Protein backbone atom coordinates (compact mmCIF):
# COMPACT_ATOMS: atom_id res chain seq x y z
CA MET A 1 107.25 140.25 102.43
CA SER A 2 107.15 138.60 99.05
CA LYS A 3 103.93 139.10 96.90
CA SER A 4 101.39 136.45 97.06
CA TYR A 5 99.90 135.19 93.60
CA LYS A 6 96.64 133.53 93.23
CA TYR A 7 97.33 131.52 90.00
CA ILE A 8 101.15 131.02 89.86
CA ASP A 9 100.62 127.43 91.58
CA LEU A 10 98.10 126.30 89.25
CA ILE A 11 99.97 127.32 86.22
CA THR A 12 103.27 125.60 87.54
CA ALA A 13 101.29 122.24 88.32
CA LEU A 14 99.99 122.35 84.60
CA PHE A 15 103.66 122.95 83.36
CA ALA A 16 104.84 119.97 85.44
CA VAL A 17 102.12 117.64 84.23
CA ILE A 18 102.71 118.45 80.40
CA LEU A 19 106.51 118.18 80.88
CA LEU A 20 106.14 114.68 82.42
CA VAL A 21 103.33 113.50 80.38
CA SER A 22 104.97 114.61 77.03
CA ASN A 23 108.36 112.79 77.91
CA ILE A 24 106.51 109.35 78.68
CA VAL A 25 104.74 109.40 75.16
CA SER A 26 107.66 110.36 73.36
CA SER A 27 109.03 107.07 72.68
CA LYS A 28 106.38 106.67 69.79
CA ILE A 29 107.19 108.26 66.30
CA LEU A 30 103.85 109.28 64.68
CA VAL A 31 103.03 111.04 61.55
CA LEU A 32 100.26 113.65 61.41
CA GLY A 33 99.86 115.28 58.08
CA PRO A 34 102.96 116.46 56.60
CA PHE A 35 104.74 116.13 60.06
CA THR A 36 106.76 113.09 61.37
CA PHE A 37 107.73 113.44 64.76
CA ASP A 38 107.83 111.84 68.39
CA GLY A 39 104.70 111.85 70.36
CA GLY A 40 105.96 114.20 73.25
CA THR A 41 105.52 117.07 70.46
CA VAL A 42 101.86 117.00 70.60
CA LEU A 43 101.60 118.27 74.19
CA PHE A 44 105.34 119.79 74.69
CA PRO A 45 104.64 123.17 73.05
CA LEU A 46 102.22 123.97 75.83
CA SER A 47 105.02 123.85 78.15
CA TYR A 48 106.70 126.74 76.46
CA ILE A 49 103.60 128.65 76.27
CA LEU A 50 103.26 128.39 79.88
CA GLY A 51 106.74 129.28 80.34
CA ASP A 52 106.18 132.41 78.44
CA VAL A 53 103.16 133.41 80.30
CA LEU A 54 105.10 132.93 83.70
CA THR A 55 108.25 135.08 82.31
CA GLU A 56 105.99 137.87 80.76
CA VAL A 57 103.45 138.13 84.01
CA TYR A 58 105.70 137.04 86.76
CA GLY A 59 109.34 137.75 85.53
CA TYR A 60 112.41 135.61 84.95
CA LYS A 61 113.40 134.87 88.39
CA ARG A 62 109.96 133.20 89.24
CA ALA A 63 109.95 131.15 85.86
CA ARG A 64 113.37 130.12 86.45
CA ARG A 65 112.22 128.44 89.88
CA VAL A 66 109.63 126.49 88.00
CA ILE A 67 112.11 125.44 85.21
CA TRP A 68 114.30 124.08 87.75
CA MET A 69 111.06 122.54 89.39
CA GLY A 70 110.62 120.68 85.89
CA PHE A 71 113.76 119.60 85.62
CA PHE A 72 113.92 117.75 89.22
CA LEU A 73 110.57 116.03 88.42
CA LEU A 74 112.09 114.75 85.02
CA LEU A 75 115.22 113.27 86.70
CA LEU A 76 112.84 111.62 89.48
CA ALA A 77 110.56 110.15 86.54
CA MET A 78 113.61 108.93 85.01
CA LEU A 79 114.85 107.37 87.90
CA THR A 80 111.55 105.77 88.85
CA ILE A 81 111.20 104.02 85.24
CA VAL A 82 114.73 102.65 85.43
CA LEU A 83 114.07 101.27 89.19
CA VAL A 84 110.82 99.62 88.33
CA GLY A 85 112.22 98.21 85.21
CA ALA A 86 115.19 96.79 86.81
CA LEU A 87 113.04 95.24 89.94
CA PRO A 88 112.15 91.75 89.50
CA ALA A 89 108.49 91.17 88.03
CA ALA A 90 106.04 88.88 89.76
CA ALA A 91 105.90 85.44 88.24
CA GLU A 92 102.24 85.63 87.21
CA TRP A 93 102.82 89.00 85.66
CA GLN A 94 103.56 88.95 81.87
CA GLY A 95 103.95 92.39 81.16
CA GLN A 96 107.77 92.80 81.41
CA ALA A 97 108.73 92.83 77.65
CA ALA A 98 105.75 95.21 76.98
CA TYR A 99 107.24 97.43 79.69
CA GLU A 100 110.51 97.23 78.15
CA THR A 101 109.19 97.89 74.49
CA ILE A 102 107.14 100.82 75.55
CA LEU A 103 109.35 102.27 78.42
CA GLY A 104 112.71 100.85 77.46
CA LEU A 105 113.73 104.17 75.74
CA THR A 106 112.08 106.16 78.23
CA PRO A 107 115.32 106.85 80.31
CA ARG A 108 117.23 108.02 77.28
CA ILE A 109 114.33 110.26 76.08
CA ILE A 110 114.04 111.60 79.51
CA MET A 111 117.87 112.12 79.56
CA ALA A 112 117.78 114.06 76.16
CA SER A 113 114.74 116.03 77.42
CA LEU A 114 116.79 117.09 80.42
CA MET A 115 119.17 118.71 78.36
CA ALA A 116 117.13 119.93 75.72
CA TYR A 117 114.56 121.47 78.18
CA PHE A 118 117.15 123.18 80.26
CA ALA A 119 118.67 124.70 77.50
CA GLY A 120 115.50 125.60 75.64
CA GLU A 121 113.31 126.54 78.34
CA PHE A 122 116.03 129.15 79.96
CA ILE A 123 117.05 130.51 76.52
CA ASN A 124 113.37 131.34 75.80
CA SER A 125 112.70 132.77 78.97
CA TYR A 126 115.97 134.85 78.76
CA ILE A 127 115.05 136.23 75.34
CA LEU A 128 111.52 136.89 76.29
CA ALA A 129 112.48 138.75 79.56
CA LYS A 130 115.24 140.92 77.89
CA LEU A 131 112.98 141.93 74.89
CA LYS A 132 110.47 143.03 77.31
CA VAL A 133 112.81 145.73 78.86
CA GLU A 134 114.21 146.53 75.42
CA THR A 135 110.76 146.95 73.90
CA GLN A 136 109.28 148.44 77.11
CA GLY A 137 106.47 145.62 76.98
CA ARG A 138 105.53 146.52 73.43
CA MET A 139 105.17 143.99 70.74
CA LEU A 140 104.21 140.91 72.83
CA TRP A 141 103.61 138.67 69.75
CA ALA A 142 106.91 139.37 68.37
CA ARG A 143 108.47 138.83 71.66
CA LEU A 144 106.95 135.46 72.06
CA LEU A 145 107.61 134.15 68.67
CA GLY A 146 110.98 135.47 68.66
CA SER A 147 111.99 133.76 71.51
CA SER A 148 109.98 130.63 70.81
CA VAL A 149 112.18 130.59 67.30
CA VAL A 150 115.22 130.26 69.05
CA GLY A 151 114.12 128.07 72.23
CA HIS A 152 112.39 125.70 70.08
CA PHE A 153 115.48 125.27 67.70
CA VAL A 154 117.80 124.52 70.53
CA ASP A 155 115.21 122.30 72.14
CA SER A 156 114.68 120.27 68.93
CA ALA A 157 118.05 119.90 67.76
CA ILE A 158 119.29 118.52 71.32
CA PHE A 159 116.44 116.36 72.05
CA VAL A 160 116.03 114.41 68.84
CA THR A 161 119.88 113.93 68.46
CA VAL A 162 120.32 112.71 71.72
CA ALA A 163 117.19 110.78 72.00
CA PHE A 164 117.14 108.98 68.49
CA ALA A 165 120.86 109.17 67.12
CA GLY A 166 121.44 105.48 66.35
CA VAL A 167 118.12 104.40 67.14
CA LEU A 168 116.45 105.96 63.68
CA GLU A 169 117.70 105.86 60.36
CA PRO A 170 119.31 109.11 59.32
CA GLY A 171 116.77 110.21 56.88
CA LEU A 172 113.98 109.57 59.43
CA LEU A 173 116.11 111.41 62.39
CA TRP A 174 116.08 114.61 59.92
CA ALA A 175 112.46 114.29 59.47
CA VAL A 176 111.71 114.00 63.02
CA MET A 177 113.96 117.05 63.83
CA ILE A 178 112.68 119.12 61.24
CA SER A 179 109.04 118.51 61.90
CA ASN A 180 109.43 118.63 65.62
CA TYR A 181 110.58 122.37 65.34
CA LEU A 182 108.23 123.14 62.73
CA PHE A 183 105.18 121.93 64.44
CA LYS A 184 106.11 123.53 67.87
CA LEU A 185 106.16 126.79 66.09
CA LEU A 186 102.91 126.29 64.26
CA VAL A 187 101.18 125.49 67.46
CA GLU A 188 102.49 128.49 69.28
CA ILE A 189 101.61 130.75 66.21
CA VAL A 190 97.93 128.99 66.22
CA VAL A 191 97.55 129.44 70.03
CA LEU A 192 98.99 133.17 70.08
CA PRO A 193 95.47 134.80 70.21
CA LEU A 194 94.64 132.53 73.09
CA THR A 195 98.00 133.46 74.92
CA TYR A 196 97.45 137.21 74.47
CA ARG A 197 94.08 136.83 76.42
CA VAL A 198 95.59 134.47 79.38
CA VAL A 199 98.36 137.01 79.74
CA ALA A 200 96.19 139.99 79.88
CA ARG A 201 93.94 138.58 82.39
CA LEU A 202 96.56 137.26 84.45
CA LYS A 203 98.22 140.61 84.77
CA LYS A 204 95.04 142.26 85.58
CA ALA A 205 94.15 139.34 88.10
CA GLU A 206 97.75 139.22 89.84
CA GLY A 207 98.18 143.09 89.63
CA GLU A 208 101.52 142.14 88.07
CA ASP A 209 103.35 142.82 84.91
CA TYR A 210 106.92 142.20 85.90
CA TYR A 211 110.09 144.05 84.08
CA ASP A 212 113.47 142.08 84.65
CA TYR A 213 115.40 145.37 84.98
CA LYS A 214 117.66 144.30 87.87
CA THR A 215 117.48 140.65 87.51
CA ASN A 216 120.32 138.27 87.75
CA PHE A 217 120.01 136.09 84.77
CA ASN A 218 122.23 133.29 85.85
CA PRO A 219 120.07 129.76 85.52
CA PHE A 220 121.91 128.59 88.44
CA ARG A 221 120.93 131.01 90.90
CA LEU A 222 117.96 130.01 92.92
CA LYS A 223 117.62 132.66 95.54
């Protein structure tokens, strides 16, 4: 029988909500101090933190299932937004132009996110799981940050290029890409003490500290 866990469903739900909300608000480019980035970057780093928690506590195999669930939810969101936008508006409703202005880029943004998310999340989870085995579970901080440095770089480069190339001026495009990447890493560093506590408490509560010694790391293997 497969082991039953108390909190994996809650983490999965939080992961999915963060992912969907981040992509809906990504159509706005905002300025926060020295950073210029899409609105989704405010919340999106938390999905990587939750992905780290899933991999560290429950292992790559279970994290892989959650990553795929997020992928299909994003796809569903994209198709729904496109369908609703294409359906005829009621004659008395005057919000079609506003809908297209705010959500008009969303299908493209979600497509960019599907590509970036798939590559970034799986690379992040793979590196974290491999490093855990190599270090025998030591230096959690180095494993969390090391996997995120690579995962966020891949995610930011793919997302900003696919979502905004041809829409933003080249200078702004580069500013968004660099700010996107640096802000995500900064969030992970700031939240690192909390991540440590969550991981420790979950391992104790679930009675689990999984090591991927014999895991098949093929991202397309769902069994």
